[in-house]
Amino acid sequence: MIGIGIIGVGYWGQKHLNEFSRLQGCSLEAVSDLSQANLEKCKALGVQRTYLDYRDLLADSKVDAVSICTNNETHFEVAKAALLAGKHVLVEKPLTLEVETSRELVELAKEKGLSLHVGHLYRFNAALIWLREFIQSGGFGKIHFIKIQFTNHNGVVPGRSVLMDLAPHAIDICNFLTGRWAKSTVSFGHQFRRHDLEEVTFTESDLGDGMRMYGEFSWLLPDKKRQVYVSGENTCAVVDLGSQQLTIYEVITDKQNREGKIKSSRIEPVKPSNALGDELASFVAHCESSTSEPINSGEIGLRTVEAQLSCKHIDQGKP
């Protein structure tokens, strides 16, 4: 039985708490948060031990593994302390904010023989898992491009750009589907309610062999959209990541088809997964026996950070 501790039990950490409470093979032992109010909520839900200082949680002998749901800028400090304390670690994306610190965590986990997972949640989305298998079977023929849209309307998010917050999802999803990392990426965007840190960003990535990935990220559009589009020579697909609905379009490949007719379309009967529950179950299983590399490993988190930080920004305000 793996003893679980959660560090950071705000909005997303509360979701981790709910899922861990239902999981087989683990026991939720303790939580830590800077907010006493958040800790009181956890006590009301039956959590026995709560800590204001995460280091006290790491000293708890009943905690074998931790789930880190703190602010991005704290990920390195907290995850490193957890690994040094001998705990398996699941840390929400991004792994850290720098390539060097991300690499240090990956190497430390290997040195200690501990599991290091990164919260790339969409690798457990049933529609994307189906789509990945369809791509691997050659169902699209040659893929022209993938477009990924993460847009919604948020208040001002302090200390964070929309690129740093949402683009990791696109980078990771693209790699999960195709096995490719971007050779190069350019981005452009703007901030509208403050003096720096973009709130709307568009990206283009070169995936090699003529394949492209386009990203659209915004905190200033009214409808929340989490969608993936794939355009290929034989087939197109649209995935709604929230509902996990997947629509396949068979296209007419005749070059004389100037009207761009669609031969047929169908909604694939994909059974939606509990992506977060599956992600946490995978983490617990690897803590018990890490005989294989997890699909959301620390190495994947590192490569995602590398790809994101290599993005070249185009300043639209200059000639």
Protein backbone atom coordinates (compact mmCIF):
# COMPACT_ATOMS: atom_id res chain seq x y z
CA MET A 1 0.00 0.00 0.00
CA ILE A 2 1.55 3.29 -1.14
CA GLY A 3 1.15 6.20 1.28
CA ILE A 4 0.30 9.41 -0.61
CA GLY A 5 0.90 13.02 0.37
CA ILE A 6 -0.41 15.99 -1.60
CA ILE A 7 1.50 19.27 -1.56
CA GLY A 8 -0.80 22.10 -2.58
CA VAL A 9 -4.53 21.48 -2.14
CA GLY A 10 -6.04 24.44 -3.94
CA TYR A 11 -8.32 24.01 -6.96
CA TRP A 12 -6.29 21.32 -8.75
CA GLY A 13 -4.83 19.69 -5.65
CA GLN A 14 -8.39 19.15 -4.41
CA LYS A 15 -9.07 17.12 -7.55
CA HIS A 16 -6.01 15.00 -6.80
CA LEU A 17 -7.33 14.48 -3.27
CA ASN A 18 -10.70 13.29 -4.53
CA GLU A 19 -9.13 10.83 -6.99
CA PHE A 20 -6.53 9.43 -4.59
CA SER A 21 -9.28 8.88 -2.01
CA ARG A 22 -10.99 6.47 -4.43
CA LEU A 23 -7.91 4.69 -5.77
CA GLN A 24 -7.02 1.10 -4.92
CA GLY A 25 -3.46 0.33 -3.86
CA CYS A 26 -2.81 3.58 -2.00
CA SER A 27 -3.83 5.48 1.11
CA LEU A 28 -4.06 9.24 1.37
CA GLU A 29 -1.91 9.95 4.41
CA ALA A 30 -1.36 13.71 4.56
CA VAL A 31 -1.65 17.05 2.78
CA SER A 32 0.24 20.34 2.92
CA ASP A 33 -0.81 23.84 1.96
CA LEU A 34 0.03 27.43 2.91
CA SER A 35 -3.68 28.14 3.43
CA GLN A 36 -5.16 27.06 6.75
CA ALA A 37 -8.61 27.29 5.17
CA ASN A 38 -7.63 24.73 2.52
CA LEU A 39 -6.29 22.43 5.23
CA GLU A 40 -9.53 22.70 7.19
CA LYS A 41 -11.46 21.61 4.08
CA CYS A 42 -9.23 18.56 3.83
CA LYS A 43 -9.75 17.72 7.50
CA ALA A 44 -13.50 17.85 6.92
CA LEU A 45 -13.02 15.28 4.15
CA GLY A 46 -11.26 12.92 6.53
CA VAL A 47 -7.57 13.69 5.98
CA GLN A 48 -5.84 12.82 9.24
CA ARG A 49 -2.63 14.85 9.06
CA THR A 50 -2.26 18.34 7.60
CA TYR A 51 0.83 20.55 7.43
CA LEU A 52 1.40 24.21 6.68
CA ASP A 53 5.05 23.48 5.81
CA TYR A 54 5.57 20.91 3.05
CA ARG A 55 8.88 19.89 4.63
CA ASP A 56 6.96 18.51 7.60
CA LEU A 57 4.95 16.35 5.19
CA LEU A 58 8.18 15.09 3.60
CA ALA A 59 9.36 14.04 7.07
CA ASP A 60 6.19 11.97 7.58
CA SER A 61 7.30 8.32 7.55
CA LYS A 62 3.90 7.11 6.30
CA VAL A 63 4.21 9.12 3.06
CA ASP A 64 5.91 7.15 0.29
CA ALA A 65 4.98 9.36 -2.66
CA VAL A 66 3.87 12.93 -3.20
CA SER A 67 1.72 14.74 -5.69
CA ILE A 68 2.90 18.34 -6.16
CA CYS A 69 0.18 20.81 -7.16
CA THR A 70 1.87 24.07 -6.21
CA ASN A 71 2.62 27.16 -8.30
CA ASN A 72 4.91 26.59 -11.29
CA GLU A 73 7.80 28.58 -9.86
CA THR A 74 7.96 26.29 -6.79
CA HIS A 75 8.08 22.99 -8.68
CA PHE A 76 11.85 22.60 -8.68
CA GLU A 77 12.38 23.38 -5.00
CA VAL A 78 9.55 21.15 -3.78
CA ALA A 79 10.21 18.25 -6.16
CA LYS A 80 13.94 18.22 -5.38
CA ALA A 81 13.28 18.21 -1.64
CA ALA A 82 10.82 15.33 -2.09
CA LEU A 83 13.30 13.23 -4.09
CA LEU A 84 16.06 13.91 -1.55
CA ALA A 85 13.63 12.77 1.14
CA GLY A 86 13.21 9.47 -0.71
CA LYS A 87 9.68 10.09 -2.01
CA HIS A 88 8.33 9.17 -5.43
CA VAL A 89 7.13 12.34 -7.19
CA LEU A 90 4.29 13.36 -9.46
CA VAL A 91 4.57 17.06 -10.27
CA GLU A 92 2.09 19.05 -12.31
CA LYS A 93 3.31 20.51 -15.59
CA PRO A 94 5.63 22.16 -16.31
CA LEU A 95 8.28 20.03 -14.64
CA THR A 96 10.18 23.25 -13.85
CA LEU A 97 10.63 26.61 -15.56
CA GLU A 98 14.19 25.90 -16.78
CA VAL A 99 15.90 23.17 -18.77
CA GLU A 100 18.78 22.85 -16.29
CA THR A 101 16.57 22.38 -13.25
CA SER A 102 14.31 19.94 -15.11
CA ARG A 103 17.34 17.87 -16.09
CA GLU A 104 18.59 17.93 -12.50
CA LEU A 105 15.32 16.41 -11.27
CA VAL A 106 15.39 13.68 -13.93
CA GLU A 107 18.96 12.74 -13.02
CA LEU A 108 18.24 12.88 -9.28
CA ALA A 109 15.25 10.55 -9.63
CA LYS A 110 17.39 8.05 -11.57
CA GLU A 111 20.17 8.28 -8.98
CA LYS A 112 17.73 7.63 -6.14
CA GLY A 113 15.79 4.90 -7.97
CA LEU A 114 12.55 6.85 -7.59
CA SER A 115 9.62 7.44 -9.92
CA LEU A 116 9.29 10.94 -11.40
CA HIS A 117 6.07 11.64 -13.29
CA VAL A 118 4.86 14.92 -14.81
CA GLY A 119 1.19 15.88 -15.01
CA HIS A 120 0.79 15.69 -18.78
CA LEU A 121 -2.84 14.76 -18.31
CA TYR A 122 -3.90 14.46 -21.94
CA ARG A 123 -1.77 11.36 -22.49
CA PHE A 124 -4.57 9.59 -20.61
CA ASN A 125 -7.41 11.07 -22.70
CA ALA A 126 -9.28 8.19 -24.41
CA ALA A 127 -9.94 10.14 -27.62
CA LEU A 128 -6.25 10.99 -28.01
CA ILE A 129 -5.24 7.40 -27.28
CA TRP A 130 -7.58 6.25 -30.09
CA LEU A 131 -6.28 8.96 -32.41
CA ARG A 132 -2.67 8.01 -31.71
CA GLU A 133 -3.36 4.41 -32.69
CA PHE A 134 -5.15 5.60 -35.83
CA ILE A 135 -2.14 7.72 -36.79
CA GLN A 136 0.22 4.80 -36.18
CA SER A 137 -1.93 2.59 -38.43
CA GLY A 138 -1.51 5.07 -41.30
CA GLY A 139 -5.14 6.16 -41.28
CA PHE A 140 -4.35 9.75 -42.27
CA GLY A 141 -1.83 8.98 -44.97
CA LYS A 142 0.65 11.84 -44.90
CA ILE A 143 -0.21 14.29 -42.11
CA HIS A 144 -0.13 17.90 -43.25
CA PHE A 145 -0.56 19.64 -39.91
CA ILE A 146 -1.96 19.45 -36.40
CA LYS A 147 -3.74 22.44 -34.87
CA ILE A 148 -4.25 22.67 -31.13
CA GLN A 149 -6.55 25.27 -29.59
CA PHE A 150 -6.65 26.10 -25.89
CA THR A 151 -8.78 29.21 -25.39
CA ASN A 152 -11.04 30.57 -22.68
CA HIS A 153 -11.70 33.79 -20.75
CA ASN A 154 -9.64 34.23 -17.59
CA GLY A 155 -8.92 37.02 -15.22
CA VAL A 156 -5.39 38.39 -15.24
CA VAL A 157 -3.03 35.56 -14.30
CA PRO A 158 -0.17 37.09 -12.27
CA GLY A 159 3.41 36.24 -13.18
CA ARG A 160 2.55 33.94 -16.06
CA SER A 161 2.09 34.22 -19.82
CA VAL A 162 -0.50 32.23 -21.73
CA LEU A 163 2.36 30.66 -23.71
CA MET A 164 4.06 29.28 -20.59
CA ASP A 165 0.75 28.17 -19.11
CA LEU A 166 -1.00 26.47 -22.03
CA ALA A 167 1.58 25.72 -24.75
CA PRO A 168 3.11 22.77 -22.82
CA HIS A 169 -0.15 20.91 -23.45
CA ALA A 170 0.17 21.42 -27.21
CA ILE A 171 3.84 20.39 -27.29
CA ASP A 172 3.12 17.28 -25.28
CA ILE A 173 -0.03 16.29 -27.18
CA CYS A 174 1.81 16.64 -30.48
CA ASN A 175 4.61 14.38 -29.28
CA PHE A 176 2.15 11.86 -27.86
CA LEU A 177 0.29 11.63 -31.18
CA THR A 178 3.24 11.63 -33.58
CA GLY A 179 6.34 10.74 -31.55
CA ARG A 180 7.94 13.96 -32.83
CA TRP A 181 9.41 16.95 -31.06
CA ALA A 182 9.45 20.32 -32.81
CA LYS A 183 12.62 21.11 -34.71
CA SER A 184 11.83 24.81 -34.34
CA THR A 185 8.94 26.96 -33.12
CA VAL A 186 8.02 30.61 -33.61
CA SER A 187 5.36 32.50 -31.70
CA PHE A 188 3.71 35.88 -31.74
CA GLY A 189 1.05 37.41 -29.54
CA HIS A 190 0.14 40.33 -27.33
CA GLN A 191 -0.95 41.40 -23.86
CA PHE A 192 -4.02 43.63 -23.61
CA ARG A 193 -4.74 44.15 -19.90
CA ARG A 194 -1.18 44.62 -18.63
CA HIS A 195 2.24 45.83 -19.77
CA ASP A 196 3.97 42.46 -20.26
CA LEU A 197 3.33 38.70 -20.38
CA GLU A 198 1.18 37.79 -23.38
CA GLU A 199 -2.47 36.85 -22.96
CA VAL A 200 -2.99 35.74 -26.59
CA THR A 201 -0.37 33.74 -28.51
CA PHE A 202 -0.14 31.86 -31.81
CA THR A 203 2.63 29.37 -32.60
CA GLU A 204 3.96 27.46 -35.59
CA SER A 205 6.24 24.45 -35.16
CA ASP A 206 8.23 22.47 -37.71
CA LEU A 207 7.84 18.77 -36.92
CA GLY A 208 9.94 17.58 -39.83
CA ASP A 209 9.06 15.94 -43.16
CA GLY A 210 6.77 18.83 -44.04
CA MET A 211 4.52 18.35 -40.99
CA ARG A 212 3.52 21.43 -39.00
CA MET A 213 1.84 22.13 -35.69
CA TYR A 214 -0.16 25.32 -35.14
CA GLY A 215 -1.18 26.48 -31.70
CA GLU A 216 -3.74 29.04 -30.58
CA PHE A 217 -3.75 30.05 -26.92
CA SER A 218 -5.88 32.77 -25.35
CA TRP A 219 -7.28 33.97 -22.05
CA LEU A 220 -9.54 36.47 -23.80
CA LEU A 221 -12.12 34.45 -25.75
CA PRO A 222 -15.56 33.71 -24.28
CA ASP A 223 -15.92 30.01 -25.09
CA LYS A 224 -13.65 27.49 -23.38
CA LYS A 225 -12.18 25.29 -26.10
CA ARG A 226 -9.73 22.44 -25.76
CA GLN A 227 -9.56 21.02 -29.27
CA VAL A 228 -7.16 19.12 -31.51
CA TYR A 229 -7.41 19.10 -35.30
CA VAL A 230 -5.46 16.77 -37.57
CA SER A 231 -5.32 17.33 -41.33
CA GLY A 232 -4.01 14.51 -43.53
CA GLU A 233 -4.06 13.60 -47.20
CA ASN A 234 -6.81 10.97 -46.71
CA THR A 235 -8.49 11.93 -43.48
CA CYS A 236 -9.13 14.81 -41.09
CA ALA A 237 -10.08 14.59 -37.43
CA VAL A 238 -11.41 16.87 -34.72
CA VAL A 239 -11.13 16.02 -31.03
CA ASP A 240 -12.91 17.85 -28.24
CA LEU A 241 -10.65 17.12 -25.29
CA GLY A 242 -13.29 17.95 -22.70
CA SER A 243 -16.07 15.65 -23.93
CA GLN A 244 -13.53 13.28 -25.57
CA GLN A 245 -15.66 13.28 -28.70
CA LEU A 246 -13.72 12.32 -31.83
CA THR A 247 -15.00 13.02 -35.34
CA ILE A 248 -13.32 11.51 -38.39
CA TYR A 249 -13.73 13.01 -41.87
CA GLU A 250 -12.84 11.05 -45.01
CA VAL A 251 -11.73 13.52 -47.67
CA ILE A 252 -11.82 13.36 -51.45
CA THR A 253 -8.21 13.38 -52.63
CA ASP A 254 -8.94 14.24 -56.29
CA LYS A 255 -6.83 17.31 -57.08
CA GLN A 256 -9.67 18.63 -59.24
CA ASN A 257 -11.93 18.81 -56.17
CA ARG A 258 -11.79 22.55 -55.81
CA GLU A 259 -14.88 22.60 -53.60
CA GLY A 260 -13.08 20.56 -50.94
CA LYS A 261 -15.86 18.02 -50.52
CA ILE A 262 -15.89 15.63 -47.59
CA LYS A 263 -16.65 12.07 -48.64
CA SER A 264 -18.03 11.01 -45.26
CA SER A 265 -17.85 11.75 -41.55
CA ARG A 266 -18.42 9.71 -38.44
CA ILE A 267 -18.21 10.10 -34.69
CA GLU A 268 -16.05 7.34 -33.27
CA PRO A 269 -17.66 5.52 -30.29
CA VAL A 270 -14.84 6.30 -27.88
CA LYS A 271 -15.67 5.69 -24.22
CA PRO A 272 -14.44 8.74 -22.28
CA SER A 273 -11.74 8.03 -19.73
CA ASN A 274 -11.22 9.49 -16.29
CA ALA A 275 -7.91 10.95 -17.42
CA LEU A 276 -6.83 12.27 -14.03
CA GLY A 277 -7.83 9.07 -12.25
CA ASP A 278 -5.93 7.01 -14.82
CA GLU A 279 -2.88 9.26 -14.50
CA LEU A 280 -2.80 8.91 -10.72
CA ALA A 281 -3.40 5.15 -10.92
CA SER A 282 -0.42 4.88 -13.28
CA PHE A 283 1.69 6.83 -10.79
CA VAL A 284 0.74 4.52 -7.91
CA ALA A 285 1.43 1.44 -10.03
CA HIS A 286 4.91 2.69 -10.95
CA CYS A 287 5.66 3.52 -7.33
CA GLU A 288 4.94 -0.13 -6.47
CA SER A 289 6.95 -1.57 -9.38
CA SER A 290 8.73 0.67 -11.88
CA THR A 291 9.62 -2.00 -14.46
CA SER A 292 8.70 0.20 -17.43
CA GLU A 293 9.00 3.88 -18.35
CA PRO A 294 5.76 5.79 -17.70
CA ILE A 295 4.18 7.62 -20.64
CA ASN A 296 4.39 10.86 -18.64
CA SER A 297 7.92 10.40 -17.33
CA GLY A 298 10.27 13.07 -16.09
CA GLU A 299 12.14 12.71 -19.38
CA ILE A 300 8.96 13.66 -21.27
CA GLY A 301 8.58 16.65 -18.96
CA LEU A 302 12.18 17.68 -19.63
CA ARG A 303 11.79 17.43 -23.41
CA THR A 304 8.60 19.51 -23.20
CA VAL A 305 10.39 22.26 -21.27
CA GLU A 306 13.26 22.17 -23.79
CA ALA A 307 10.85 22.52 -26.71
CA GLN A 308 8.94 25.35 -25.08
CA LEU A 309 11.96 27.41 -24.09
CA SER A 310 13.49 27.06 -27.56
CA CYS A 311 10.50 28.89 -29.03
CA LYS A 312 11.53 32.03 -30.96
CA HIS A 313 9.29 35.00 -30.29
CA ILE A 314 8.42 37.37 -33.10
CA ASP A 315 7.92 40.90 -31.79
CA GLN A 316 4.97 42.31 -33.71
CA GLY A 317 5.68 45.77 -32.41
CA LYS A 318 8.95 46.10 -34.34
CA PRO A 319 9.63 46.16 -38.09
